Amino acid sequence: QEPLVESGGGLVQAGGSLRLSCAASGSIFMNNAMGWYRQAPGKQRELVARITPGGRTYYADSVNGRFTISRDNAKNTVDLQMNSLKPEDTAVYYCNRISPSWRLLFWGQGTQVTVSS
């Protein structure tokens, strides 16, 4: 099993919706807060949403009210429902556990989201 596999990206018009899914290995998922990050061309990777094992969520201001993160602790999966998409949401989206040393973590290939205006 790959440690992290993201899926669900694609091309969508502004105002549209996408649902991203992430399957994580147990060593990454279990008992860890999980997050969805994104990296746009020429920009640093940023955290857009996170969820604790108990389901508490946090969202970046730029996506609050439009994105919803959820997790299935039985399946080691974390999803990101993205509504009212904007061109500035265009990026490669990655999932990973939340860690102070997140820059040093193993990362999956991510999934490309492109929003056309």
PDB file of N, CA and C in Angstrom:
ATOM      1  N   GLN A   1       0.839  -1.192   0.000  1.00  0.00           N
ATOM      2  CA  GLN A   1       0.000   0.000   0.000  1.00  0.00           C
ATOM      3  C   GLN A   1       0.874   1.242   0.000  1.00  0.00           C
ATOM      4  N   GLU A   2       0.561   2.169  -0.916  1.00  0.00           N
ATOM      5  CA  GLU A   2       1.250   3.448  -0.901  1.00  0.00           C
ATOM      6  C   GLU A   2       0.896   4.190   0.381  1.00  0.00           C
ATOM      7  N   PRO A   3       1.852   4.935   0.947  1.00  0.00           N
ATOM      8  CA  PRO A   3       1.557   5.643   2.204  1.00  0.00           C
ATOM      9  C   PRO A   3       0.454   6.687   2.074  1.00  0.00           C
ATOM     10  N   LEU A   4       0.433   7.387   0.927  1.00  0.00           N
ATOM     11  CA  LEU A   4      -0.544   8.439   0.721  1.00  0.00           C
ATOM     12  C   LEU A   4      -0.966   8.435  -0.747  1.00  0.00           C
ATOM     13  N   VAL A   5      -2.254   8.346  -0.990  1.00  0.00           N
ATOM     14  CA  VAL A   5      -2.762   8.391  -2.348  1.00  0.00           C
ATOM     15  C   VAL A   5      -3.924   9.367  -2.408  1.00  0.00           C
ATOM     16  N   GLU A   6      -3.721  10.450  -3.163  1.00  0.00           N
ATOM     17  CA  GLU A   6      -4.761  11.459  -3.333  1.00  0.00           C
ATOM     18  C   GLU A   6      -5.448  11.253  -4.672  1.00  0.00           C
ATOM     19  N   SER A   7      -6.737  11.547  -4.724  1.00  0.00           N
ATOM     20  CA  SER A   7      -7.491  11.416  -5.965  1.00  0.00           C
ATOM     21  C   SER A   7      -8.660  12.382  -5.973  1.00  0.00           C
ATOM     22  N   GLY A   8      -9.265  12.540  -7.144  1.00  0.00           N
ATOM     23  CA  GLY A   8     -10.473  13.339  -7.257  1.00  0.00           C
ATOM     24  C   GLY A   8     -10.307  14.692  -7.910  1.00  0.00           C
ATOM     25  N   GLY A   9      -9.083  15.065  -8.220  1.00  0.00           N
ATOM     26  CA  GLY A   9      -8.877  16.357  -8.850  1.00  0.00           C
ATOM     27  C   GLY A   9      -9.377  16.379 -10.281  1.00  0.00           C
ATOM     28  N   GLY A  10      -9.320  17.554 -10.886  1.00  0.00           N
ATOM     29  CA  GLY A  10      -9.758  17.692 -12.261  1.00  0.00           C
ATOM     30  C   GLY A  10      -9.906  19.142 -12.652  1.00  0.00           C
ATOM     31  N   LEU A  11     -10.512  19.326 -13.816  1.00  0.00           N
ATOM     32  CA  LEU A  11     -10.773  20.671 -14.348  1.00  0.00           C
ATOM     33  C   LEU A  11     -12.237  20.998 -14.128  1.00  0.00           C
ATOM     34  N   VAL A  12     -12.494  22.163 -13.553  1.00  0.00           N
ATOM     35  CA  VAL A  12     -13.860  22.562 -13.255  1.00  0.00           C
ATOM     36  C   VAL A  12     -13.990  24.067 -13.485  1.00  0.00           C
ATOM     37  N   GLN A  13     -15.160  24.495 -13.834  1.00  0.00           N
ATOM     38  CA  GLN A  13     -15.410  25.925 -14.010  1.00  0.00           C
ATOM     39  C   GLN A  13     -15.594  26.600 -12.656  1.00  0.00           C
ATOM     40  N   ALA A  14     -15.314  27.865 -12.619  1.00  0.00           N
ATOM     41  CA  ALA A  14     -15.530  28.646 -11.399  1.00  0.00           C
ATOM     42  C   ALA A  14     -16.974  28.481 -10.934  1.00  0.00           C
ATOM     43  N   GLY A  15     -17.134  28.304  -9.630  1.00  0.00           N
ATOM     44  CA  GLY A  15     -18.448  28.060  -9.063  1.00  0.00           C
ATOM     45  C   GLY A  15     -18.793  26.594  -8.916  1.00  0.00           C
ATOM     46  N   GLY A  16     -17.984  25.741  -9.535  1.00  0.00           N
ATOM     47  CA  GLY A  16     -18.238  24.313  -9.484  1.00  0.00           C
ATOM     48  C   GLY A  16     -17.722  23.661  -8.217  1.00  0.00           C
ATOM     49  N   SER A  17     -17.838  22.335  -8.173  1.00  0.00           N
ATOM     50  CA  SER A  17     -17.459  21.559  -6.988  1.00  0.00           C
ATOM     51  C   SER A  17     -16.599  20.370  -7.380  1.00  0.00           C
ATOM     52  N   LEU A  18     -15.765  19.970  -6.458  1.00  0.00           N
ATOM     53  CA  LEU A  18     -14.980  18.738  -6.565  1.00  0.00           C
ATOM     54  C   LEU A  18     -14.883  18.126  -5.181  1.00  0.00           C
ATOM     55  N   ARG A  19     -14.712  16.817  -5.160  1.00  0.00           N
ATOM     56  CA  ARG A  19     -14.477  16.113  -3.898  1.00  0.00           C
ATOM     57  C   ARG A  19     -13.166  15.347  -4.016  1.00  0.00           C
ATOM     58  N   LEU A  20     -12.231  15.691  -3.166  1.00  0.00           N
ATOM     59  CA  LEU A  20     -10.940  15.012  -3.136  1.00  0.00           C
ATOM     60  C   LEU A  20     -10.973  13.921  -2.072  1.00  0.00           C
ATOM     61  N   SER A  21     -10.253  12.848  -2.354  1.00  0.00           N
ATOM     62  CA  SER A  21     -10.139  11.756  -1.396  1.00  0.00           C
ATOM     63  C   SER A  21      -8.674  11.406  -1.182  1.00  0.00           C
ATOM     64  N   CYS A  22      -8.373  10.970   0.013  1.00  0.00           N
ATOM     65  CA  CYS A  22      -7.003  10.571   0.354  1.00  0.00           C
ATOM     66  C   CYS A  22      -7.057   9.270   1.143  1.00  0.00           C
ATOM     67  N   ALA A  23      -6.304   8.298   0.688  1.00  0.00           N
ATOM     68  CA  ALA A  23      -6.137   7.044   1.419  1.00  0.00           C
ATOM     69  C   ALA A  23      -4.734   7.038   2.019  1.00  0.00           C
ATOM     70  N   ALA A  24      -4.668   6.870   3.322  1.00  0.00           N
ATOM     71  CA  ALA A  24      -3.380   6.936   4.008  1.00  0.00           C
ATOM     72  C   ALA A  24      -3.079   5.613   4.698  1.00  0.00           C
ATOM     73  N   SER A  25      -1.813   5.341   4.859  1.00  0.00           N
ATOM     74  CA  SER A  25      -1.418   4.154   5.625  1.00  0.00           C
ATOM     75  C   SER A  25      -1.775   4.362   7.087  1.00  0.00           C
ATOM     76  N   GLY A  26      -1.906   3.263   7.791  1.00  0.00           N
ATOM     77  CA  GLY A  26      -2.268   3.360   9.191  1.00  0.00           C
ATOM     78  C   GLY A  26      -1.255   4.126  10.023  1.00  0.00           C
ATOM     79  N   SER A  27       0.017   3.987   9.686  1.00  0.00           N
ATOM     80  CA  SER A  27       1.049   4.663  10.464  1.00  0.00           C
ATOM     81  C   SER A  27       0.954   6.174  10.333  1.00  0.00           C
ATOM     82  N   ILE A  28       0.451   6.647   9.208  1.00  0.00           N
ATOM     83  CA  ILE A  28       0.283   8.083   9.021  1.00  0.00           C
ATOM     84  C   ILE A  28      -1.039   8.557   9.604  1.00  0.00           C
ATOM     85  N   PHE A  29      -2.079   7.770   9.431  1.00  0.00           N
ATOM     86  CA  PHE A  29      -3.434   8.233   9.748  1.00  0.00           C
ATOM     87  C   PHE A  29      -3.803   8.088  11.221  1.00  0.00           C
ATOM     88  N   MET A  30      -3.499   6.932  11.784  1.00  0.00           N
ATOM     89  CA  MET A  30      -4.041   6.626  13.105  1.00  0.00           C
ATOM     90  C   MET A  30      -3.553   7.579  14.176  1.00  0.00           C
ATOM     91  N   ASN A  31      -4.509   8.114  14.923  1.00  0.00           N
ATOM     92  CA  ASN A  31      -4.237   8.976  16.076  1.00  0.00           C
ATOM     93  C   ASN A  31      -3.573  10.293  15.707  1.00  0.00           C
ATOM     94  N   ASN A  32      -3.602  10.645  14.419  1.00  0.00           N
ATOM     95  CA  ASN A  32      -3.019  11.908  13.990  1.00  0.00           C
ATOM     96  C   ASN A  32      -4.070  12.832  13.416  1.00  0.00           C
ATOM     97  N   ALA A  33      -3.916  14.109  13.685  1.00  0.00           N
ATOM     98  CA  ALA A  33      -4.684  15.078  12.917  1.00  0.00           C
ATOM     99  C   ALA A  33      -4.212  15.003  11.472  1.00  0.00           C
ATOM    100  N   MET A  34      -5.157  15.110  10.555  1.00  0.00           N
ATOM    101  CA  MET A  34      -4.832  15.046   9.131  1.00  0.00           C
ATOM    102  C   MET A  34      -5.203  16.365   8.463  1.00  0.00           C
ATOM    103  N   GLY A  35      -4.509  16.674   7.400  1.00  0.00           N
ATOM    104  CA  GLY A  35      -4.774  17.929   6.734  1.00  0.00           C
ATOM    105  C   GLY A  35      -4.727  17.808   5.223  1.00  0.00           C
ATOM    106  N   TRP A  36      -5.358  18.756   4.586  1.00  0.00           N
ATOM    107  CA  TRP A  36      -5.223  18.952   3.152  1.00  0.00           C
ATOM    108  C   TRP A  36      -4.409  20.228   2.933  1.00  0.00           C
ATOM    109  N   TYR A  37      -3.394  20.086   2.108  1.00  0.00           N
ATOM    110  CA  TYR A  37      -2.520  21.189   1.766  1.00  0.00           C
ATOM    111  C   TYR A  37      -2.651  21.431   0.258  1.00  0.00           C
ATOM    112  N   ARG A  38      -2.182  22.591  -0.170  1.00  0.00           N
ATOM    113  CA  ARG A  38      -2.155  22.829  -1.605  1.00  0.00           C
ATOM    114  C   ARG A  38      -0.927  23.673  -1.955  1.00  0.00           C
ATOM    115  N   GLN A  39      -0.485  23.504  -3.193  1.00  0.00           N
ATOM    116  CA  GLN A  39       0.651  24.277  -3.678  1.00  0.00           C
ATOM    117  C   GLN A  39       0.342  24.749  -5.084  1.00  0.00           C
ATOM    118  N   ALA A  40       0.248  26.051  -5.225  1.00  0.00           N
ATOM    119  CA  ALA A  40       0.023  26.655  -6.530  1.00  0.00           C
ATOM    120  C   ALA A  40       1.372  26.941  -7.185  1.00  0.00           C
ATOM    121  N   PRO A  41       1.412  27.060  -8.493  1.00  0.00           N
ATOM    122  CA  PRO A  41       2.688  27.330  -9.180  1.00  0.00           C
ATOM    123  C   PRO A  41       3.357  28.585  -8.637  1.00  0.00           C
ATOM    124  N   GLY A  42       4.635  28.450  -8.291  1.00  0.00           N
ATOM    125  CA  GLY A  42       5.390  29.586  -7.799  1.00  0.00           C
ATOM    126  C   GLY A  42       5.112  29.984  -6.370  1.00  0.00           C
ATOM    127  N   LYS A  43       4.285  29.202  -5.687  1.00  0.00           N
ATOM    128  CA  LYS A  43       3.940  29.527  -4.309  1.00  0.00           C
ATOM    129  C   LYS A  43       4.320  28.393  -3.373  1.00  0.00           C
ATOM    130  N   GLN A  44       4.401  28.735  -2.090  1.00  0.00           N
ATOM    131  CA  GLN A  44       4.715  27.718  -1.103  1.00  0.00           C
ATOM    132  C   GLN A  44       3.496  26.852  -0.803  1.00  0.00           C
ATOM    133  N   ARG A  45       3.772  25.655  -0.348  1.00  0.00           N
ATOM    134  CA  ARG A  45       2.691  24.778   0.059  1.00  0.00           C
ATOM    135  C   ARG A  45       2.015  25.366   1.293  1.00  0.00           C
ATOM    136  N   GLU A  46       0.692  25.318   1.330  1.00  0.00           N
ATOM    137  CA  GLU A  46      -0.053  25.875   2.443  1.00  0.00           C
ATOM    138  C   GLU A  46      -1.124  24.896   2.914  1.00  0.00           C
ATOM    139  N   LEU A  47      -1.418  24.969   4.205  1.00  0.00           N
ATOM    140  CA  LEU A  47      -2.461  24.150   4.798  1.00  0.00           C
ATOM    141  C   LEU A  47      -3.805  24.836   4.567  1.00  0.00           C
ATOM    142  N   VAL A  48      -4.779  24.105   4.037  1.00  0.00           N
ATOM    143  CA  VAL A  48      -6.095  24.698   3.819  1.00  0.00           C
ATOM    144  C   VAL A  48      -7.145  24.162   4.782  1.00  0.00           C
ATOM    145  N   ALA A  49      -6.954  22.950   5.284  1.00  0.00           N
ATOM    146  CA  ALA A  49      -7.938  22.388   6.207  1.00  0.00           C
ATOM    147  C   ALA A  49      -7.295  21.278   7.006  1.00  0.00           C
ATOM    148  N   ARG A  50      -7.710  21.115   8.236  1.00  0.00           N
ATOM    149  CA  ARG A  50      -7.222  20.004   9.045  1.00  0.00           C
ATOM    150  C   ARG A  50      -8.360  19.481   9.890  1.00  0.00           C
ATOM    151  N   ILE A  51      -8.200  18.230  10.336  1.00  0.00           N
ATOM    152  CA  ILE A  51      -9.221  17.583  11.158  1.00  0.00           C
ATOM    153  C   ILE A  51      -8.537  16.686  12.165  1.00  0.00           C
ATOM    154  N   THR A  52      -8.966  16.764  13.417  1.00  0.00           N
ATOM    155  CA  THR A  52      -8.392  15.933  14.466  1.00  0.00           C
ATOM    156  C   THR A  52      -9.011  14.542  14.418  1.00  0.00           C
ATOM    157  N   PRO A  53      -8.427  13.583  15.140  1.00  0.00           N
ATOM    158  CA  PRO A  53      -9.046  12.253  15.177  1.00  0.00           C
ATOM    159  C   PRO A  53     -10.484  12.292  15.680  1.00  0.00           C
ATOM    160  N   GLY A  54     -10.792  13.235  16.538  1.00  0.00           N
ATOM    161  CA  GLY A  54     -12.148  13.360  17.070  1.00  0.00           C
ATOM    162  C   GLY A  54     -13.088  14.164  16.202  1.00  0.00           C
ATOM    163  N   GLY A  55     -12.578  14.741  15.108  1.00  0.00           N
ATOM    164  CA  GLY A  55     -13.439  15.433  14.165  1.00  0.00           C
ATOM    165  C   GLY A  55     -13.453  16.946  14.252  1.00  0.00           C
ATOM    166  N   ARG A  56     -12.610  17.512  15.100  1.00  0.00           N
ATOM    167  CA  ARG A  56     -12.550  18.983  15.162  1.00  0.00           C
ATOM    168  C   ARG A  56     -11.843  19.485  13.913  1.00  0.00           C
ATOM    169  N   THR A  57     -12.382  20.544  13.325  1.00  0.00           N
ATOM    170  CA  THR A  57     -11.853  21.025  12.052  1.00  0.00           C
ATOM    171  C   THR A  57     -11.334  22.453  12.136  1.00  0.00           C
ATOM    172  N   TYR A  58     -10.451  22.757  11.221  1.00  0.00           N
ATOM    173  CA  TYR A  58      -9.893  24.108  11.061  1.00  0.00           C
ATOM    174  C   TYR A  58      -9.803  24.376   9.569  1.00  0.00           C
ATOM    175  N   TYR A  59     -10.078  25.635   9.184  1.00  0.00           N
ATOM    176  CA  TYR A  59      -9.979  26.005   7.773  1.00  0.00           C
ATOM    177  C   TYR A  59      -9.207  27.315   7.626  1.00  0.00           C
ATOM    178  N   ALA A  60      -8.429  27.401   6.591  1.00  0.00           N
ATOM    179  CA  ALA A  60      -7.805  28.673   6.250  1.00  0.00           C
ATOM    180  C   ALA A  60      -8.897  29.660   5.852  1.00  0.00           C
ATOM    181  N   ASP A  61      -8.631  30.922   6.102  1.00  0.00           N
ATOM    182  CA  ASP A  61      -9.627  31.951   5.787  1.00  0.00           C
ATOM    183  C   ASP A  61     -10.052  31.907   4.322  1.00  0.00           C
ATOM    184  N   SER A  62      -9.119  31.582   3.462  1.00  0.00           N
ATOM    185  CA  SER A  62      -9.389  31.612   2.023  1.00  0.00           C
ATOM    186  C   SER A  62     -10.394  30.559   1.575  1.00  0.00           C
ATOM    187  N   VAL A  63     -10.610  29.526   2.385  1.00  0.00           N
ATOM    188  CA  VAL A  63     -11.523  28.449   1.984  1.00  0.00           C
ATOM    189  C   VAL A  63     -12.672  28.261   2.961  1.00  0.00           C
ATOM    190  N   ASN A  64     -12.632  28.948   4.074  1.00  0.00           N
ATOM    191  CA  ASN A  64     -13.661  28.788   5.106  1.00  0.00           C
ATOM    192  C   ASN A  64     -15.044  29.093   4.529  1.00  0.00           C
ATOM    193  N   GLY A  65     -15.964  28.175   4.769  1.00  0.00           N
ATOM    194  CA  GLY A  65     -17.319  28.334   4.253  1.00  0.00           C
ATOM    195  C   GLY A  65     -17.541  27.698   2.894  1.00  0.00           C
ATOM    196  N   ARG A  66     -16.453  27.312   2.227  1.00  0.00           N
ATOM    197  CA  ARG A  66     -16.562  26.687   0.900  1.00  0.00           C
ATOM    198  C   ARG A  66     -16.080  25.244   0.902  1.00  0.00           C
ATOM    199  N   PHE A  67     -15.083  24.954   1.725  1.00  0.00           N
ATOM    200  CA  PHE A  67     -14.506  23.612   1.779  1.00  0.00           C
ATOM    201  C   PHE A  67     -14.938  22.920   3.069  1.00  0.00           C
ATOM    202  N   THR A  68     -15.072  21.603   3.002  1.00  0.00           N
ATOM    203  CA  THR A  68     -15.396  20.799   4.174  1.00  0.00           C
ATOM    204  C   THR A  68     -14.501  19.574   4.208  1.00  0.00           C
ATOM    205  N   ILE A  69     -13.794  19.414   5.303  1.00  0.00           N
ATOM    206  CA  ILE A  69     -12.917  18.256   5.482  1.00  0.00           C
ATOM    207  C   ILE A  69     -13.630  17.226   6.347  1.00  0.00           C
ATOM    208  N   SER A  70     -13.420  15.950   6.019  1.00  0.00           N
ATOM    209  CA  SER A  70     -14.017  14.871   6.809  1.00  0.00           C
ATOM    210  C   SER A  70     -13.049  13.692   6.803  1.00  0.00           C
ATOM    211  N   ARG A  71     -13.226  12.787   7.754  1.00  0.00           N
ATOM    212  CA  ARG A  71     -12.368  11.611   7.827  1.00  0.00           C
ATOM    213  C   ARG A  71     -13.183  10.396   8.212  1.00  0.00           C
ATOM    214  N   ASP A  72     -12.699   9.250   7.777  1.00  0.00           N
ATOM    215  CA  ASP A  72     -13.282   7.971   8.148  1.00  0.00           C
ATOM    216  C   ASP A  72     -12.185   7.193   8.864  1.00  0.00           C
ATOM    217  N   ASN A  73     -12.273   7.116  10.177  1.00  0.00           N
ATOM    218  CA  ASN A  73     -11.220   6.481  10.966  1.00  0.00           C
ATOM    219  C   ASN A  73     -11.171   4.966  10.763  1.00  0.00           C
ATOM    220  N   ALA A  74     -12.235   4.385  10.290  1.00  0.00           N
ATOM    221  CA  ALA A  74     -12.245   2.952  10.033  1.00  0.00           C
ATOM    222  C   ALA A  74     -11.538   2.605   8.725  1.00  0.00           C
ATOM    223  N   LYS A  75     -11.539   3.558   7.788  1.00  0.00           N
ATOM    224  CA  LYS A  75     -10.961   3.303   6.461  1.00  0.00           C
ATOM    225  C   LYS A  75      -9.640   4.035   6.238  1.00  0.00           C
ATOM    226  N   ASN A  76      -9.211   4.822   7.213  1.00  0.00           N
ATOM    227  CA  ASN A  76      -7.977   5.616   7.065  1.00  0.00           C
ATOM    228  C   ASN A  76      -8.056   6.543   5.856  1.00  0.00           C
ATOM    229  N   THR A  77      -9.182   7.204   5.701  1.00  0.00           N
ATOM    230  CA  THR A  77      -9.356   8.123   4.580  1.00  0.00           C
ATOM    231  C   THR A  77      -9.753   9.502   5.078  1.00  0.00           C
ATOM    232  N   VAL A  78      -9.375  10.493   4.317  1.00  0.00           N
ATOM    233  CA  VAL A  78      -9.764  11.863   4.615  1.00  0.00           C
ATOM    234  C   VAL A  78     -10.179  12.521   3.300  1.00  0.00           C
ATOM    235  N   ASP A  79     -11.323  13.169   3.304  1.00  0.00           N
ATOM    236  CA  ASP A  79     -11.880  13.784   2.106  1.00  0.00           C
ATOM    237  C   ASP A  79     -11.917  15.299   2.239  1.00  0.00           C
ATOM    238  N   LEU A  80     -11.991  15.955   1.104  1.00  0.00           N
ATOM    239  CA  LEU A  80     -12.151  17.404   1.073  1.00  0.00           C
ATOM    240  C   LEU A  80     -13.225  17.741   0.046  1.00  0.00           C
ATOM    241  N   GLN A  81     -14.369  18.193   0.509  1.00  0.00           N
ATOM    242  CA  GLN A  81     -15.430  18.644  -0.379  1.00  0.00           C
ATOM    243  C   GLN A  81     -15.197  20.120  -0.659  1.00  0.00           C
ATOM    244  N   MET A  82     -15.077  20.459  -1.929  1.00  0.00           N
ATOM    245  CA  MET A  82     -14.772  21.826  -2.326  1.00  0.00           C
ATOM    246  C   MET A  82     -15.926  22.370  -3.160  1.00  0.00           C
ATOM    247  N   ASN A  83     -16.568  23.388  -2.653  1.00  0.00           N
ATOM    248  CA  ASN A  83     -17.686  24.031  -3.349  1.00  0.00           C
ATOM    249  C   ASN A  83     -17.329  25.466  -3.699  1.00  0.00           C
ATOM    250  N   SER A  84     -18.096  26.039  -4.590  1.00  0.00           N
ATOM    251  CA  SER A  84     -17.898  27.444  -4.999  1.00  0.00           C
ATOM    252  C   SER A  84     -16.443  27.708  -5.349  1.00  0.00           C
ATOM    253  N   LEU A  85     -15.888  26.841  -6.150  1.00  0.00           N
ATOM    254  CA  LEU A  85     -14.470  26.940  -6.473  1.00  0.00           C
ATOM    255  C   LEU A  85     -14.153  28.213  -7.245  1.00  0.00           C
ATOM    256  N   LYS A  86     -12.953  28.733  -6.989  1.00  0.00           N
ATOM    257  CA  LYS A  86     -12.478  29.956  -7.619  1.00  0.00           C
ATOM    258  C   LYS A  86     -11.190  29.665  -8.389  1.00  0.00           C
ATOM    259  N   PRO A  87     -10.871  30.477  -9.376  1.00  0.00           N
ATOM    260  CA  PRO A  87      -9.606  30.249 -10.097  1.00  0.00           C
ATOM    261  C   PRO A  87      -8.395  30.227  -9.167  1.00  0.00           C
ATOM    262  N   GLU A  88      -8.435  30.996  -8.101  1.00  0.00           N
ATOM    263  CA  GLU A  88      -7.301  31.013  -7.170  1.00  0.00           C
ATOM    264  C   GLU A  88      -7.190  29.739  -6.345  1.00  0.00           C
ATOM    265  N   ASP A  89      -8.146  28.841  -6.452  1.00  0.00           N
ATOM    266  CA  ASP A  89      -8.029  27.529  -5.807  1.00  0.00           C
ATOM    267  C   ASP A  89      -7.199  26.557  -6.648  1.00  0.00           C
ATOM    268  N   THR A  90      -6.832  26.957  -7.835  1.00  0.00           N
ATOM    269  CA  THR A  90      -6.021  26.110  -8.703  1.00  0.00           C
ATOM    270  C   THR A  90      -4.683  25.794  -8.058  1.00  0.00           C
ATOM    271  N   ALA A  91      -4.401  24.510  -7.918  1.00  0.00           N
ATOM    272  CA  ALA A  91      -3.180  24.057  -7.235  1.00  0.00           C
ATOM    273  C   ALA A  91      -3.130  22.537  -7.281  1.00  0.00           C
ATOM    274  N   VAL A  92      -1.994  22.006  -6.869  1.00  0.00           N
ATOM    275  CA  VAL A  92      -1.902  20.577  -6.573  1.00  0.00           C
ATOM    276  C   VAL A  92      -2.250  20.409  -5.104  1.00  0.00           C
ATOM    277  N   TYR A  93      -3.170  19.506  -4.812  1.00  0.00           N
ATOM    278  CA  TYR A  93      -3.646  19.276  -3.458  1.00  0.00           C
ATOM    279  C   TYR A  93      -3.055  17.982  -2.906  1.00  0.00           C
ATOM    280  N   TYR A  94      -2.574  18.070  -1.683  1.00  0.00           N
ATOM    281  CA  TYR A  94      -1.945  16.951  -1.000  1.00  0.00           C
ATOM    282  C   TYR A  94      -2.615  16.740   0.358  1.00  0.00           C
ATOM    283  N   CYS A  95      -2.606  15.511   0.808  1.00  0.00           N
ATOM    284  CA  CYS A  95      -3.013  15.259   2.189  1.00  0.00           C
ATOM    285  C   CYS A  95      -1.809  14.740   2.960  1.00  0.00           C
ATOM    286  N   ASN A  96      -1.843  14.951   4.254  1.00  0.00           N
ATOM    287  CA  ASN A  96      -0.779  14.451   5.117  1.00  0.00           C
ATOM    288  C   ASN A  96      -1.187  14.667   6.564  1.00  0.00           C
ATOM    289  N   ARG A  97      -0.438  14.072   7.446  1.00  0.00           N
ATOM    290  CA  ARG A  97      -0.712  14.324   8.854  1.00  0.00           C
ATOM    291  C   ARG A  97      -0.235  15.713   9.211  1.00  0.00           C
ATOM    292  N   ILE A  98      -0.760  16.215  10.301  1.00  0.00           N
ATOM    293  CA  ILE A  98      -0.347  17.521  10.796  1.00  0.00           C
ATOM    294  C   ILE A  98       0.887  17.323  11.663  1.00  0.00           C
ATOM    295  N   SER A  99       1.926  18.093  11.390  1.00  0.00           N
ATOM    296  CA  SER A  99       3.171  17.961  12.135  1.00  0.00           C
ATOM    297  C   SER A  99       3.923  19.281  12.090  1.00  0.00           C
ATOM    298  N   PRO A 100       4.607  19.626  13.207  1.00  0.00           N
ATOM    299  CA  PRO A 100       5.440  20.847  13.177  1.00  0.00           C
ATOM    300  C   PRO A 100       6.550  20.757  12.137  1.00  0.00           C
ATOM    301  N   SER A 101       6.976  19.549  11.824  1.00  0.00           N
ATOM    302  CA  SER A 101       8.032  19.352  10.830  1.00  0.00           C
ATOM    303  C   SER A 101       7.455  18.863   9.512  1.00  0.00           C
ATOM    304  N   TRP A 102       6.333  19.457   9.120  1.00  0.00           N
ATOM    305  CA  TRP A 102       5.636  18.971   7.936  1.00  0.00           C
ATOM    306  C   TRP A 102       6.482  19.059   6.681  1.00  0.00           C
ATOM    307  N   ARG A 103       7.424  19.976   6.629  1.00  0.00           N
ATOM    308  CA  ARG A 103       8.251  20.093   5.419  1.00  0.00           C
ATOM    309  C   ARG A 103       9.136  18.879   5.222  1.00  0.00           C
ATOM    310  N   LEU A 104       9.377  18.120   6.260  1.00  0.00           N
ATOM    311  CA  LEU A 104      10.264  16.966   6.185  1.00  0.00           C
ATOM    312  C   LEU A 104       9.505  15.653   5.997  1.00  0.00           C
ATOM    313  N   LEU A 105       8.190  15.716   5.939  1.00  0.00           N
ATOM    314  CA  LEU A 105       7.405  14.495   5.821  1.00  0.00           C
ATOM    315  C   LEU A 105       7.483  13.910   4.424  1.00  0.00           C
ATOM    316  N   PHE A 106       7.175  12.620   4.318  1.00  0.00           N
ATOM    317  CA  PHE A 106       6.972  12.008   3.005  1.00  0.00           C
ATOM    318  C   PHE A 106       5.665  12.553   2.434  1.00  0.00           C
ATOM    319  N   TRP A 107       5.675  12.872   1.136  1.00  0.00           N
ATOM    320  CA  TRP A 107       4.479  13.388   0.475  1.00  0.00           C
ATOM    321  C   TRP A 107       4.092  12.494  -0.697  1.00  0.00           C
ATOM    322  N   GLY A 108       2.812  12.349  -0.924  1.00  0.00           N
ATOM    323  CA  GLY A 108       2.332  11.642  -2.087  1.00  0.00           C
ATOM    324  C   GLY A 108       2.433  12.517  -3.328  1.00  0.00           C
ATOM    325  N   GLN A 109       1.868  12.044  -4.412  1.00  0.00           N
ATOM    326  CA  GLN A 109       1.960  12.776  -5.675  1.00  0.00           C
ATOM    327  C   GLN A 109       0.968  13.917  -5.772  1.00  0.00           C
ATOM    328  N   GLY A 110      -0.042  13.902  -4.929  1.00  0.00           N
ATOM    329  CA  GLY A 110      -1.040  14.952  -4.968  1.00  0.00           C
ATOM    330  C   GLY A 110      -2.021  14.769  -6.111  1.00  0.00           C
ATOM    331  N   THR A 111      -2.993  15.651  -6.156  1.00  0.00           N
ATOM    332  CA  THR A 111      -3.984  15.627  -7.225  1.00  0.00           C
ATOM    333  C   THR A 111      -4.216  17.062  -7.705  1.00  0.00           C
ATOM    334  N   GLN A 112      -4.182  17.235  -9.020  1.00  0.00           N
ATOM    335  CA  GLN A 112      -4.264  18.562  -9.608  1.00  0.00           C
ATOM    336  C   GLN A 112      -5.715  19.046  -9.659  1.00  0.00           C
ATOM    337  N   VAL A 113      -5.923  20.255  -9.172  1.00  0.00           N
ATOM    338  CA  VAL A 113      -7.222  20.924  -9.288  1.00  0.00           C
ATOM    339  C   VAL A 113      -7.021  22.185 -10.121  1.00  0.00           C
ATOM    340  N   THR A 114      -7.776  22.292 -11.182  1.00  0.00           N
ATOM    341  CA  THR A 114      -7.708  23.472 -12.049  1.00  0.00           C
ATOM    342  C   THR A 114      -9.100  24.071 -12.177  1.00  0.00           C
ATOM    343  N   VAL A 115      -9.206  25.343 -11.825  1.00  0.00           N
ATOM    344  CA  VAL A 115     -10.483  26.037 -11.881  1.00  0.00           C
ATOM    345  C   VAL A 115     -10.399  27.118 -12.956  1.00  0.00           C
ATOM    346  N   SER A 116     -11.229  27.002 -13.960  1.00  0.00           N
ATOM    347  CA  SER A 116     -11.227  27.978 -15.055  1.00  0.00           C
ATOM    348  C   SER A 116     -12.231  29.088 -14.775  1.00  0.00           C
ATOM    349  N   SER A 117     -11.874  30.268 -15.254  1.00  0.00           N
ATOM    350  CA  SER A 117     -12.761  31.422 -15.011  1.00  0.00           C
ATOM    351  C   SER A 117     -13.798  31.566 -16.114  1.00  0.00           C
TER     352      SER A 117
END
